[in-house]
Structure formats: C-alpha cells, structure tokens
PDB file of all heavy atoms in Angstrom:
ATOM      1  N   ARG A   1      13.782 -16.366  66.546  1.00  0.00           N
ATOM      2  CA  ARG A   1      12.594 -16.932  65.911  1.00  0.00           C
ATOM      3  C   ARG A   1      12.710 -16.990  64.394  1.00  0.00           C
ATOM      4  O   ARG A   1      11.838 -17.563  63.722  1.00  0.00           O
ATOM      5  CB  ARG A   1      11.355 -16.105  66.278  1.00  0.00           C
ATOM      6  CG  ARG A   1      11.092 -15.985  67.755  1.00  0.00           C
ATOM      7  CD  ARG A   1      10.005 -14.958  68.035  1.00  0.00           C
ATOM      8  NE  ARG A   1      10.401 -13.619  67.608  1.00  0.00           N
ATOM      9  CZ  ARG A   1       9.634 -12.542  67.673  1.00  0.00           C
ATOM     10  NH1 ARG A   1       8.410 -12.651  68.176  1.00  0.00           N
ATOM     11  NH2 ARG A   1      10.071 -11.368  67.263  1.00  0.00           N
ATOM     12  N   ALA A   2      13.758 -16.386  63.827  1.00  0.00           N
ATOM     13  CA  ALA A   2      13.847 -16.246  62.365  1.00  0.00           C
ATOM     14  C   ALA A   2      13.820 -17.600  61.658  1.00  0.00           C
ATOM     15  O   ALA A   2      13.092 -17.792  60.676  1.00  0.00           O
ATOM     16  CB  ALA A   2      15.106 -15.459  61.990  1.00  0.00           C
ATOM     17  N   GLU A   3      14.600 -18.560  62.126  1.00  0.00           N
ATOM     18  CA  GLU A   3      14.653 -19.864  61.477  1.00  0.00           C
ATOM     19  C   GLU A   3      13.315 -20.595  61.583  1.00  0.00           C
ATOM     20  O   GLU A   3      12.849 -21.213  60.613  1.00  0.00           O
ATOM     21  CB  GLU A   3      15.760 -20.711  62.098  1.00  0.00           C
ATOM     22  CG  GLU A   3      15.876 -22.113  61.524  1.00  0.00           C
ATOM     23  CD  GLU A   3      16.254 -22.128  60.057  1.00  0.00           C
ATOM     24  OE1 GLU A   3      16.777 -21.102  59.562  1.00  0.00           O
ATOM     25  OE2 GLU A   3      16.001 -23.157  59.397  1.00  0.00           O
ATOM     26  N   LEU A   4      12.667 -20.491  62.745  1.00  0.00           N
ATOM     27  CA  LEU A   4      11.368 -21.141  62.909  1.00  0.00           C
ATOM     28  C   LEU A   4      10.320 -20.501  62.006  1.00  0.00           C
ATOM     29  O   LEU A   4       9.498 -21.194  61.400  1.00  0.00           O
ATOM     30  CB  LEU A   4      10.931 -21.063  64.373  1.00  0.00           C
ATOM     31  CG  LEU A   4       9.560 -21.679  64.701  1.00  0.00           C
ATOM     32  CD1 LEU A   4       9.559 -23.172  64.382  1.00  0.00           C
ATOM     33  CD2 LEU A   4       9.197 -21.449  66.164  1.00  0.00           C
ATOM     34  N   VAL A   5      10.347 -19.158  61.908  1.00  0.00           N
ATOM     35  CA  VAL A   5       9.394 -18.459  61.042  1.00  0.00           C
ATOM     36  C   VAL A   5       9.603 -18.878  59.588  1.00  0.00           C
ATOM     37  O   VAL A   5       8.637 -19.124  58.845  1.00  0.00           O
ATOM     38  CB  VAL A   5       9.538 -16.938  61.200  1.00  0.00           C
ATOM     39  CG1 VAL A   5       8.742 -16.203  60.128  1.00  0.00           C
ATOM     40  CG2 VAL A   5       9.086 -16.502  62.585  1.00  0.00           C
ATOM     41  N   ARG A   6      10.865 -18.962  59.172  1.00  0.00           N
ATOM     42  CA  ARG A   6      11.154 -19.371  57.797  1.00  0.00           C
ATOM     43  C   ARG A   6      10.611 -20.771  57.506  1.00  0.00           C
ATOM     44  O   ARG A   6       9.982 -21.019  56.474  1.00  0.00           O
ATOM     45  CB  ARG A   6      12.663 -19.332  57.548  1.00  0.00           C
ATOM     46  CG  ARG A   6      13.075 -19.687  56.115  1.00  0.00           C
ATOM     47  CD  ARG A   6      14.576 -19.859  56.010  1.00  0.00           C
ATOM     48  NE  ARG A   6      15.022 -20.992  56.800  1.00  0.00           N
ATOM     49  CZ  ARG A   6      14.944 -22.259  56.398  1.00  0.00           C
ATOM     50  NH1 ARG A   6      14.417 -22.549  55.227  1.00  0.00           N
ATOM     51  NH2 ARG A   6      15.374 -23.242  57.169  1.00  0.00           N
ATOM     52  N   ARG A   7      10.832 -21.696  58.435  1.00  0.00           N
ATOM     53  CA  ARG A   7      10.349 -23.066  58.246  1.00  0.00           C
ATOM     54  C   ARG A   7       8.824 -23.120  58.214  1.00  0.00           C
ATOM     55  O   ARG A   7       8.221 -23.854  57.413  1.00  0.00           O
ATOM     56  CB  ARG A   7      10.889 -23.957  59.353  1.00  0.00           C
ATOM     57  CG  ARG A   7      12.388 -24.181  59.295  1.00  0.00           C
ATOM     58  CD  ARG A   7      12.870 -24.969  60.503  1.00  0.00           C
ATOM     59  NE  ARG A   7      12.220 -26.272  60.576  1.00  0.00           N
ATOM     60  CZ  ARG A   7      12.371 -27.111  61.602  1.00  0.00           C
ATOM     61  NH1 ARG A   7      13.140 -26.768  62.648  1.00  0.00           N
ATOM     62  NH2 ARG A   7      11.750 -28.288  61.595  1.00  0.00           N
ATOM     63  N   LEU A   8       8.171 -22.320  59.067  1.00  0.00           N
ATOM     64  CA  LEU A   8       6.710 -22.312  59.088  1.00  0.00           C
ATOM     65  C   LEU A   8       6.131 -21.757  57.789  1.00  0.00           C
ATOM     66  O   LEU A   8       5.154 -22.294  57.250  1.00  0.00           O
ATOM     67  CB  LEU A   8       6.214 -21.503  60.286  1.00  0.00           C
ATOM     68  CG  LEU A   8       6.319 -22.187  61.654  1.00  0.00           C
ATOM     69  CD1 LEU A   8       5.978 -21.202  62.761  1.00  0.00           C
ATOM     70  CD2 LEU A   8       5.397 -23.402  61.730  1.00  0.00           C
ATOM     71  N   LEU A   9       6.733 -20.656  57.277  1.00  0.00           N
ATOM     72  CA  LEU A   9       6.237 -20.067  56.035  1.00  0.00           C
ATOM     73  C   LEU A   9       6.422 -21.016  54.854  1.00  0.00           C
ATOM     74  O   LEU A   9       5.528 -21.163  54.006  1.00  0.00           O
ATOM     75  CB  LEU A   9       6.952 -18.736  55.770  1.00  0.00           C
ATOM     76  CG  LEU A   9       6.620 -17.593  56.742  1.00  0.00           C
ATOM     77  CD1 LEU A   9       7.445 -16.360  56.426  1.00  0.00           C
ATOM     78  CD2 LEU A   9       5.127 -17.256  56.686  1.00  0.00           C
ATOM     79  N   GLU A  10       7.584 -21.650  54.810  1.00  0.00           N
ATOM     80  CA  GLU A  10       7.818 -22.607  53.723  1.00  0.00           C
ATOM     81  C   GLU A  10       6.855 -23.795  53.818  1.00  0.00           C
ATOM     82  O   GLU A  10       6.326 -24.262  52.810  1.00  0.00           O
ATOM     83  CB  GLU A  10       9.264 -23.103  53.760  1.00  0.00           C
ATOM     84  CG  GLU A  10      10.281 -22.045  53.361  1.00  0.00           C
ATOM     85  CD  GLU A  10      11.698 -22.583  53.414  1.00  0.00           C
ATOM     86  OE1 GLU A  10      11.872 -23.736  53.862  1.00  0.00           O
ATOM     87  OE2 GLU A  10      12.625 -21.859  52.998  1.00  0.00           O
ATOM     88  N   TYR A  11       6.626 -24.265  55.030  1.00  0.00           N
ATOM     89  CA  TYR A  11       5.713 -25.393  55.199  1.00  0.00           C
ATOM     90  C   TYR A  11       4.289 -25.004  54.803  1.00  0.00           C
ATOM     91  O   TYR A  11       3.571 -25.785  54.170  1.00  0.00           O
ATOM     92  CB  TYR A  11       5.741 -25.883  56.648  1.00  0.00           C
ATOM     93  CG  TYR A  11       4.772 -27.003  56.907  1.00  0.00           C
ATOM     94  CD1 TYR A  11       5.072 -28.307  56.532  1.00  0.00           C
ATOM     95  CD2 TYR A  11       3.533 -26.756  57.509  1.00  0.00           C
ATOM     96  CE1 TYR A  11       4.182 -29.343  56.748  1.00  0.00           C
ATOM     97  CE2 TYR A  11       2.637 -27.789  57.726  1.00  0.00           C
ATOM     98  CZ  TYR A  11       2.970 -29.078  57.353  1.00  0.00           C
ATOM     99  OH  TYR A  11       2.077 -30.095  57.560  1.00  0.00           O
ATOM    100  N   GLU A  12       3.889 -23.765  55.166  1.00  0.00           N
ATOM    101  CA  GLU A  12       2.535 -23.320  54.817  1.00  0.00           C
ATOM    102  C   GLU A  12       2.372 -23.222  53.305  1.00  0.00           C
ATOM    103  O   GLU A  12       1.323 -23.589  52.755  1.00  0.00           O
ATOM    104  CB  GLU A  12       2.237 -21.979  55.466  1.00  0.00           C
ATOM    105  CG  GLU A  12       0.798 -21.526  55.282  1.00  0.00           C
ATOM    106  CD  GLU A  12       0.485 -20.253  56.040  1.00  0.00           C
ATOM    107  OE1 GLU A  12       1.440 -19.478  56.296  1.00  0.00           O
ATOM    108  OE2 GLU A  12      -0.675 -20.039  56.378  1.00  0.00           O
ATOM    109  N   GLN A  13       3.414 -22.726  52.616  1.00  0.00           N
ATOM    110  CA  GLN A  13       3.341 -22.652  51.160  1.00  0.00           C
ATOM    111  C   GLN A  13       3.208 -24.046  50.540  1.00  0.00           C
ATOM    112  O   GLN A  13       2.405 -24.256  49.623  1.00  0.00           O
ATOM    113  CB  GLN A  13       4.582 -21.951  50.605  1.00  0.00           C
ATOM    114  CG  GLN A  13       4.666 -20.472  50.962  1.00  0.00           C
ATOM    115  CD  GLN A  13       5.950 -19.833  50.486  1.00  0.00           C
ATOM    116  OE1 GLN A  13       6.829 -20.510  49.941  1.00  0.00           O
ATOM    117  NE2 GLN A  13       6.076 -18.545  50.693  1.00  0.00           N
ATOM    118  N   MET A  14       3.991 -24.994  51.060  1.00  0.00           N
ATOM    119  CA  MET A  14       3.908 -26.349  50.531  1.00  0.00           C
ATOM    120  C   MET A  14       2.547 -26.984  50.834  1.00  0.00           C
ATOM    121  O   MET A  14       1.991 -27.721  50.018  1.00  0.00           O
ATOM    122  CB  MET A  14       5.025 -27.204  51.131  1.00  0.00           C
ATOM    123  CG  MET A  14       6.419 -26.758  50.744  1.00  0.00           C
ATOM    124  SD  MET A  14       6.689 -26.853  48.957  1.00  0.00           S
ATOM    125  CE  MET A  14       6.582 -28.610  48.706  1.00  0.00           C
ATOM    126  N   LYS A  15       2.000 -26.673  52.010  1.00  0.00           N
ATOM    127  CA  LYS A  15       0.700 -27.236  52.373  1.00  0.00           C
ATOM    128  C   LYS A  15      -0.406 -26.684  51.488  1.00  0.00           C
ATOM    129  O   LYS A  15      -1.305 -27.427  51.049  1.00  0.00           O
ATOM    130  CB  LYS A  15       0.408 -26.927  53.837  1.00  0.00           C
ATOM    131  CG  LYS A  15      -0.841 -27.614  54.378  1.00  0.00           C
ATOM    132  CD  LYS A  15      -0.997 -27.379  55.860  1.00  0.00           C
ATOM    133  CE  LYS A  15      -2.229 -28.113  56.398  1.00  0.00           C
ATOM    134  NZ  LYS A  15      -2.396 -27.915  57.857  1.00  0.00           N
ATOM    135  N   VAL A  16      -0.344 -25.377  51.187  1.00  0.00           N
ATOM    136  CA  VAL A  16      -1.343 -24.772  50.306  1.00  0.00           C
ATOM    137  C   VAL A  16      -1.228 -25.358  48.900  1.00  0.00           C
ATOM    138  O   VAL A  16      -2.231 -25.676  48.247  1.00  0.00           O
ATOM    139  CB  VAL A  16      -1.183 -23.243  50.283  1.00  0.00           C
ATOM    140  CG1 VAL A  16      -2.077 -22.623  49.209  1.00  0.00           C
ATOM    141  CG2 VAL A  16      -1.524 -22.651  51.649  1.00  0.00           C
ATOM    142  N   ALA A  17       0.023 -25.514  48.430  1.00  0.00           N
ATOM    143  CA  ALA A  17       0.219 -26.098  47.095  1.00  0.00           C
ATOM    144  C   ALA A  17      -0.279 -27.534  47.046  1.00  0.00           C
ATOM    145  O   ALA A  17      -0.899 -27.955  46.060  1.00  0.00           O
ATOM    146  CB  ALA A  17       1.704 -26.032  46.720  1.00  0.00           C
ATOM    147  N   ALA A  18      -0.019 -28.295  48.118  1.00  0.00           N
ATOM    148  CA  ALA A  18      -0.494 -29.680  48.158  1.00  0.00           C
ATOM    149  C   ALA A  18      -2.020 -29.734  48.170  1.00  0.00           C
ATOM    150  O   ALA A  18      -2.639 -30.613  47.549  1.00  0.00           O
ATOM    151  CB  ALA A  18       0.067 -30.401  49.374  1.00  0.00           C
ATOM    152  N   GLY A  19      -2.651 -28.788  48.868  1.00  0.00           N
ATOM    153  CA  GLY A  19      -4.108 -28.741  48.883  1.00  0.00           C
ATOM    154  C   GLY A  19      -4.688 -28.443  47.509  1.00  0.00           C
ATOM    155  O   GLY A  19      -5.699 -29.024  47.113  1.00  0.00           O
ATOM    156  N   ARG A  20      -4.019 -27.543  46.766  1.00  0.00           N
ATOM    157  CA  ARG A  20      -4.499 -27.234  45.418  1.00  0.00           C
ATOM    158  C   ARG A  20      -4.335 -28.430  44.491  1.00  0.00           C
ATOM    159  O   ARG A  20      -5.198 -28.698  43.650  1.00  0.00           O
ATOM    160  CB  ARG A  20      -3.730 -26.034  44.868  1.00  0.00           C
ATOM    161  CG  ARG A  20      -4.052 -24.721  45.591  1.00  0.00           C
ATOM    162  CD  ARG A  20      -3.202 -23.578  45.070  1.00  0.00           C
ATOM    163  NE  ARG A  20      -3.523 -22.330  45.765  1.00  0.00           N
ATOM    164  CZ  ARG A  20      -2.856 -21.191  45.582  1.00  0.00           C
ATOM    165  NH1 ARG A  20      -1.843 -21.149  44.724  1.00  0.00           N
ATOM    166  NH2 ARG A  20      -3.213 -20.108  46.247  1.00  0.00           N
ATOM    167  N   LEU A  21      -3.212 -29.132  44.642  1.00  0.00           N
ATOM    168  CA  LEU A  21      -3.018 -30.334  43.824  1.00  0.00           C
ATOM    169  C   LEU A  21      -4.051 -31.399  44.164  1.00  0.00           C
ATOM    170  O   LEU A  21      -4.539 -32.110  43.276  1.00  0.00           O
ATOM    171  CB  LEU A  21      -1.608 -30.890  44.036  1.00  0.00           C
ATOM    172  CG  LEU A  21      -0.461 -30.082  43.435  1.00  0.00           C
ATOM    173  CD1 LEU A  21       0.876 -30.701  43.807  1.00  0.00           C
ATOM    174  CD2 LEU A  21      -0.587 -29.988  41.918  1.00  0.00           C
ATOM    175  N   ASN A  22      -4.395 -31.492  45.449  1.00  0.00           N
ATOM    176  CA  ASN A  22      -5.373 -32.501  45.860  1.00  0.00           C
ATOM    177  C   ASN A  22      -6.770 -32.180  45.340  1.00  0.00           C
ATOM    178  O   ASN A  22      -7.593 -33.078  45.166  1.00  0.00           O
ATOM    179  CB  ASN A  22      -5.391 -32.603  47.386  1.00  0.00           C
ATOM    180  CG  ASN A  22      -6.220 -33.775  47.876  1.00  0.00           C
ATOM    181  OD1 ASN A  22      -5.995 -34.904  47.471  1.00  0.00           O
ATOM    182  ND2 ASN A  22      -7.180 -33.502  48.743  1.00  0.00           N
ATOM    183  N   GLU A  23      -7.049 -30.894  45.107  1.00  0.00           N
ATOM    184  CA  GLU A  23      -8.356 -30.510  44.578  1.00  0.00           C
ATOM    185  C   GLU A  23      -8.498 -30.825  43.094  1.00  0.00           C
ATOM    186  O   GLU A  23      -9.609 -30.861  42.575  1.00  0.00           O
ATOM    187  CB  GLU A  23      -8.586 -29.015  44.800  1.00  0.00           C
ATOM    188  CG  GLU A  23      -8.748 -28.634  46.273  1.00  0.00           C
ATOM    189  CD  GLU A  23      -8.864 -27.135  46.461  1.00  0.00           C
ATOM    190  OE1 GLU A  23      -8.757 -26.409  45.447  1.00  0.00           O
ATOM    191  OE2 GLU A  23      -9.054 -26.687  47.613  1.00  0.00           O
ATOM    192  N   MET A  24      -7.371 -31.040  42.412  1.00  0.00           N
ATOM    193  CA  MET A  24      -7.431 -31.360  40.988  1.00  0.00           C
ATOM    194  C   MET A  24      -7.964 -32.775  40.802  1.00  0.00           C
ATOM    195  O   MET A  24      -7.767 -33.635  41.657  1.00  0.00           O
ATOM    196  CB  MET A  24      -6.042 -31.229  40.353  1.00  0.00           C
ATOM    197  CG  MET A  24      -5.464 -29.830  40.438  1.00  0.00           C
ATOM    198  SD  MET A  24      -3.784 -29.741  39.752  1.00  0.00           S
ATOM    199  CE  MET A  24      -4.119 -30.126  38.038  1.00  0.00           C
ATOM    200  N   PRO A  25      -8.676 -33.025  39.711  1.00  0.00           N
ATOM    201  CA  PRO A  25      -9.206 -34.375  39.473  1.00  0.00           C
ATOM    202  C   PRO A  25      -8.079 -35.403  39.404  1.00  0.00           C
ATOM    203  O   PRO A  25      -7.047 -35.165  38.780  1.00  0.00           O
ATOM    204  CB  PRO A  25      -9.932 -34.238  38.118  1.00  0.00           C
ATOM    205  CG  PRO A  25     -10.214 -32.779  37.984  1.00  0.00           C
ATOM    206  CD  PRO A  25      -9.084 -32.069  38.677  1.00  0.00           C
ATOM    207  N   GLN A  26      -8.289 -36.521  40.047  1.00  0.00           N
ATOM    208  CA  GLN A  26      -7.292 -37.579  40.086  1.00  0.00           C
ATOM    209  C   GLN A  26      -7.894 -38.878  39.572  1.00  0.00           C
ATOM    210  O   GLN A  26      -9.075 -39.169  39.787  1.00  0.00           O
ATOM    211  CB  GLN A  26      -6.772 -37.791  41.516  1.00  0.00           C
ATOM    212  CG  GLN A  26      -6.047 -36.583  42.097  1.00  0.00           C
ATOM    213  CD  GLN A  26      -5.495 -36.864  43.476  1.00  0.00           C
ATOM    214  OE1 GLN A  26      -5.373 -38.009  43.891  1.00  0.00           O
ATOM    215  NE2 GLN A  26      -5.144 -35.808  44.192  1.00  0.00           N
ATOM    216  N   VAL A  27      -7.039 -39.633  38.887  1.00  0.00           N
ATOM    217  CA  VAL A  27      -7.453 -40.922  38.344  1.00  0.00           C
ATOM    218  C   VAL A  27      -7.731 -41.890  39.495  1.00  0.00           C
ATOM    219  O   VAL A  27      -7.032 -41.892  40.508  1.00  0.00           O
ATOM    220  CB  VAL A  27      -6.365 -41.489  37.409  1.00  0.00           C
ATOM    221  CG1 VAL A  27      -6.795 -42.833  36.840  1.00  0.00           C
ATOM    222  CG2 VAL A  27      -6.081 -40.514  36.283  1.00  0.00           C
ATOM    223  N   GLU A  28      -8.764 -42.693  39.343  1.00  0.00           N
ATOM    224  CA  GLU A  28      -9.206 -43.699  40.311  1.00  0.00           C
ATOM    225  C   GLU A  28      -9.788 -43.089  41.591  1.00  0.00           C
ATOM    226  O   GLU A  28     -10.188 -43.815  42.484  1.00  0.00           O
ATOM    227  CB  GLU A  28      -8.065 -44.669  40.689  1.00  0.00           C
ATOM    228  CG  GLU A  28      -7.432 -45.374  39.494  1.00  0.00           C
ATOM    229  CD  GLU A  28      -8.408 -46.230  38.729  1.00  0.00           C
ATOM    230  OE1 GLU A  28      -9.470 -46.552  39.301  1.00  0.00           O
ATOM    231  OE2 GLU A  28      -8.127 -46.574  37.563  1.00  0.00           O
ATOM    232  N   ARG A  29      -9.802 -41.737  41.701  1.00  0.00           N
ATOM    233  CA  ARG A  29     -10.473 -41.112  42.826  1.00  0.00           C
ATOM    234  C   ARG A  29     -11.698 -40.331  42.352  1.00  0.00           C
ATOM    235  O   ARG A  29     -12.788 -40.490  42.901  1.00  0.00           O
ATOM    236  CB  ARG A  29      -9.517 -40.162  43.566  1.00  0.00           C
ATOM    237  CG  ARG A  29     -10.094 -39.624  44.880  1.00  0.00           C
ATOM    238  CD  ARG A  29      -9.312 -38.447  45.424  1.00  0.00           C
ATOM    239  NE  ARG A  29      -9.446 -37.259  44.597  1.00  0.00           N
ATOM    240  CZ  ARG A  29      -8.891 -36.078  44.893  1.00  0.00           C
ATOM    241  NH1 ARG A  29      -8.146 -35.962  45.977  1.00  0.00           N
ATOM    242  NH2 ARG A  29      -9.049 -35.044  44.089  1.00  0.00           N
ATOM    243  N   ASP A  30     -11.505 -39.485  41.330  1.00  0.00           N
ATOM    244  CA  ASP A  30     -12.601 -38.684  40.801  1.00  0.00           C
ATOM    245  C   ASP A  30     -13.141 -39.251  39.481  1.00  0.00           C
ATOM    246  O   ASP A  30     -14.274 -38.979  39.112  1.00  0.00           O
ATOM    247  CB  ASP A  30     -12.158 -37.234  40.596  1.00  0.00           C
ATOM    248  CG  ASP A  30     -11.639 -36.616  41.884  1.00  0.00           C
ATOM    249  OD1 ASP A  30     -12.347 -36.696  42.896  1.00  0.00           O
ATOM    250  OD2 ASP A  30     -10.525 -36.068  41.881  1.00  0.00           O
ATOM    251  N   PHE A  31     -12.336 -39.969  38.761  1.00  0.00           N
ATOM    252  CA  PHE A  31     -12.786 -40.546  37.506  1.00  0.00           C
ATOM    253  C   PHE A  31     -11.940 -41.783  37.216  1.00  0.00           C
ATOM    254  O   PHE A  31     -10.887 -41.988  37.839  1.00  0.00           O
ATOM    255  CB  PHE A  31     -12.692 -39.542  36.345  1.00  0.00           C
ATOM    256  CG  PHE A  31     -11.292 -39.070  36.065  1.00  0.00           C
ATOM    257  CD1 PHE A  31     -10.483 -39.715  35.144  1.00  0.00           C
ATOM    258  CD2 PHE A  31     -10.778 -37.974  36.747  1.00  0.00           C
ATOM    259  CE1 PHE A  31      -9.205 -39.280  34.890  1.00  0.00           C
ATOM    260  CE2 PHE A  31      -9.493 -37.533  36.497  1.00  0.00           C
ATOM    261  CZ  PHE A  31      -8.701 -38.181  35.568  1.00  0.00           C
ATOM    262  N   THR A  32     -12.411 -42.585  36.295  1.00  0.00           N
ATOM    263  CA  THR A  32     -11.728 -43.820  35.926  1.00  0.00           C
ATOM    264  C   THR A  32     -11.424 -43.794  34.440  1.00  0.00           C
ATOM    265  O   THR A  32     -12.248 -43.369  33.627  1.00  0.00           O
ATOM    266  CB  THR A  32     -12.617 -45.041  36.241  1.00  0.00           C
ATOM    267  OG1 THR A  32     -12.960 -45.022  37.635  1.00  0.00           O
ATOM    268  CG2 THR A  32     -11.885 -46.344  35.922  1.00  0.00           C
ATOM    269  N   LEU A  33     -10.211 -44.198  34.090  1.00  0.00           N
ATOM    270  CA  LEU A  33      -9.814 -44.244  32.697  1.00  0.00           C
ATOM    271  C   LEU A  33     -10.420 -45.476  32.027  1.00  0.00           C
ATOM    272  O   LEU A  33     -10.457 -46.554  32.610  1.00  0.00           O
ATOM    273  CB  LEU A  33      -8.288 -44.289  32.573  1.00  0.00           C
ATOM    274  CG  LEU A  33      -7.526 -43.037  33.031  1.00  0.00           C
ATOM    275  CD1 LEU A  33      -6.025 -43.264  32.902  1.00  0.00           C
ATOM    276  CD2 LEU A  33      -7.943 -41.818  32.229  1.00  0.00           C
ATOM    277  N   ALA A  34     -10.882 -45.274  30.819  1.00  0.00           N
ATOM    278  CA  ALA A  34     -11.406 -46.394  30.032  1.00  0.00           C
ATOM    279  C   ALA A  34     -10.242 -47.093  29.340  1.00  0.00           C
ATOM    280  O   ALA A  34      -9.413 -46.459  28.694  1.00  0.00           O
ATOM    281  CB  ALA A  34     -12.415 -45.894  28.995  1.00  0.00           C
ATOM    282  N   ARG A  35     -10.167 -48.380  29.536  1.00  0.00           N
ATOM    283  CA  ARG A  35      -9.066 -49.159  28.950  1.00  0.00           C
ATOM    284  C   ARG A  35      -9.629 -50.151  27.934  1.00  0.00           C
ATOM    285  O   ARG A  35     -10.580 -50.867  28.229  1.00  0.00           O
ATOM    286  CB  ARG A  35      -8.294 -49.912  30.035  1.00  0.00           C
ATOM    287  CG  ARG A  35      -7.563 -48.982  31.006  1.00  0.00           C
ATOM    288  CD  ARG A  35      -6.803 -49.791  32.048  1.00  0.00           C
ATOM    289  NE  ARG A  35      -6.006 -48.949  32.928  1.00  0.00           N
ATOM    290  CZ  ARG A  35      -6.451 -48.388  34.038  1.00  0.00           C
ATOM    291  NH1 ARG A  35      -7.702 -48.598  34.393  1.00  0.00           N
ATOM    292  NH2 ARG A  35      -5.667 -47.634  34.777  1.00  0.00           N
ATOM    293  N   VAL A  36      -9.038 -50.139  26.760  1.00  0.00           N
ATOM    294  CA  VAL A  36      -9.439 -51.048  25.688  1.00  0.00           C
ATOM    295  C   VAL A  36      -8.189 -51.801  25.244  1.00  0.00           C
ATOM    296  O   VAL A  36      -7.198 -51.196  24.829  1.00  0.00           O
ATOM    297  CB  VAL A  36     -10.059 -50.300  24.493  1.00  0.00           C
ATOM    298  CG1 VAL A  36     -10.436 -51.277  23.396  1.00  0.00           C
ATOM    299  CG2 VAL A  36     -11.285 -49.506  24.946  1.00  0.00           C
ATOM    300  N   TRP A  37      -8.228 -53.105  25.372  1.00  0.00           N
ATOM    301  CA  TRP A  37      -7.081 -53.942  24.984  1.00  0.00           C
ATOM    302  C   TRP A  37      -7.301 -54.412  23.551  1.00  0.00           C
ATOM    303  O   TRP A  37      -8.311 -55.034  23.227  1.00  0.00           O
ATOM    304  CB  TRP A  37      -6.942 -55.134  25.929  1.00  0.00           C
ATOM    305  CG  TRP A  37      -6.741 -54.718  27.352  1.00  0.00           C
ATOM    306  CD1 TRP A  37      -7.670 -54.673  28.338  1.00  0.00           C
ATOM    307  CD2 TRP A  37      -5.527 -54.244  27.948  1.00  0.00           C
ATOM    308  NE1 TRP A  37      -7.129 -54.213  29.512  1.00  0.00           N
ATOM    309  CE2 TRP A  37      -5.811 -53.947  29.307  1.00  0.00           C
ATOM    310  CE3 TRP A  37      -4.233 -54.058  27.481  1.00  0.00           C
ATOM    311  CZ2 TRP A  37      -4.844 -53.469  30.186  1.00  0.00           C
ATOM    312  CZ3 TRP A  37      -3.271 -53.577  28.360  1.00  0.00           C
ATOM    313  CH2 TRP A  37      -3.580 -53.296  29.691  1.00  0.00           C
ATOM    314  N   ILE A  38      -6.331 -54.117  22.702  1.00  0.00           N
ATOM    315  CA  ILE A  38      -6.400 -54.488  21.290  1.00  0.00           C
ATOM    316  C   ILE A  38      -5.234 -55.419  20.987  1.00  0.00           C
ATOM    317  O   ILE A  38      -4.073 -55.079  21.251  1.00  0.00           O
ATOM    318  CB  ILE A  38      -6.348 -53.249  20.380  1.00  0.00           C
ATOM    319  CG1 ILE A  38      -7.528 -52.307  20.699  1.00  0.00           C
ATOM    320  CG2 ILE A  38      -6.368 -53.657  18.918  1.00  0.00           C
ATOM    321  CD1 ILE A  38      -7.513 -51.038  19.908  1.00  0.00           C
ATOM    322  N   ASP A  39      -5.554 -56.571  20.452  1.00  0.00           N
ATOM    323  CA  ASP A  39      -4.513 -57.519  20.062  1.00  0.00           C
ATOM    324  C   ASP A  39      -3.810 -56.993  18.822  1.00  0.00           C
ATOM    325  O   ASP A  39      -4.460 -56.732  17.801  1.00  0.00           O
ATOM    326  CB  ASP A  39      -5.142 -58.885  19.771  1.00  0.00           C
ATOM    327  CG  ASP A  39      -4.086 -59.978  19.681  1.00  0.00           C
ATOM    328  OD1 ASP A  39      -2.895 -59.636  19.646  1.00  0.00           O
ATOM    329  OD2 ASP A  39      -4.451 -61.162  19.634  1.00  0.00           O
ATOM    330  N   PRO A  40      -2.466 -56.778  18.885  1.00  0.00           N
ATOM    331  CA  PRO A  40      -1.777 -56.227  17.695  1.00  0.00           C
ATOM    332  C   PRO A  40      -1.835 -57.156  16.493  1.00  0.00           C
ATOM    333  O   PRO A  40      -1.714 -56.709  15.362  1.00  0.00           O
ATOM    334  CB  PRO A  40      -0.336 -56.037  18.201  1.00  0.00           C
ATOM    335  CG  PRO A  40      -0.198 -56.967  19.359  1.00  0.00           C
ATOM    336  CD  PRO A  40      -1.554 -57.036  19.999  1.00  0.00           C
ATOM    337  N   VAL A  41      -1.977 -58.452  16.714  1.00  0.00           N
ATOM    338  CA  VAL A  41      -2.043 -59.405  15.605  1.00  0.00           C
ATOM    339  C   VAL A  41      -3.441 -60.015  15.588  1.00  0.00           C
ATOM    340  O   VAL A  41      -3.840 -60.709  16.519  1.00  0.00           O
ATOM    341  CB  VAL A  41      -0.979 -60.508  15.755  1.00  0.00           C
ATOM    342  CG1 VAL A  41      -1.094 -61.497  14.605  1.00  0.00           C
ATOM    343  CG2 VAL A  41       0.415 -59.902  15.807  1.00  0.00           C
TER     344      VAL A  41
END
C-alpha cells in the first residue's frame, strides 16, 4: 500500500493547495480590472 498511500497524500496536498488558490480573489471572477486606453500621440 506504500505507493498508493504516497500518491494519495501528495494528491491531497495538491488539492488543498488548489483550494486555497481558488479562494484567492481572481480577475474576471471576483473583480474586474479597470482599463483606460491612452493614445501615445
């Protein structure tokens, strides 16, 4: 079971990290960036 346990623990760590990243504010999901176009000339 050692290899399966190792894969499960690593996957759980990655899943927890992905969940924390998903909780962070994201552009176009939680807020929108204000864009101002300025003609250089």
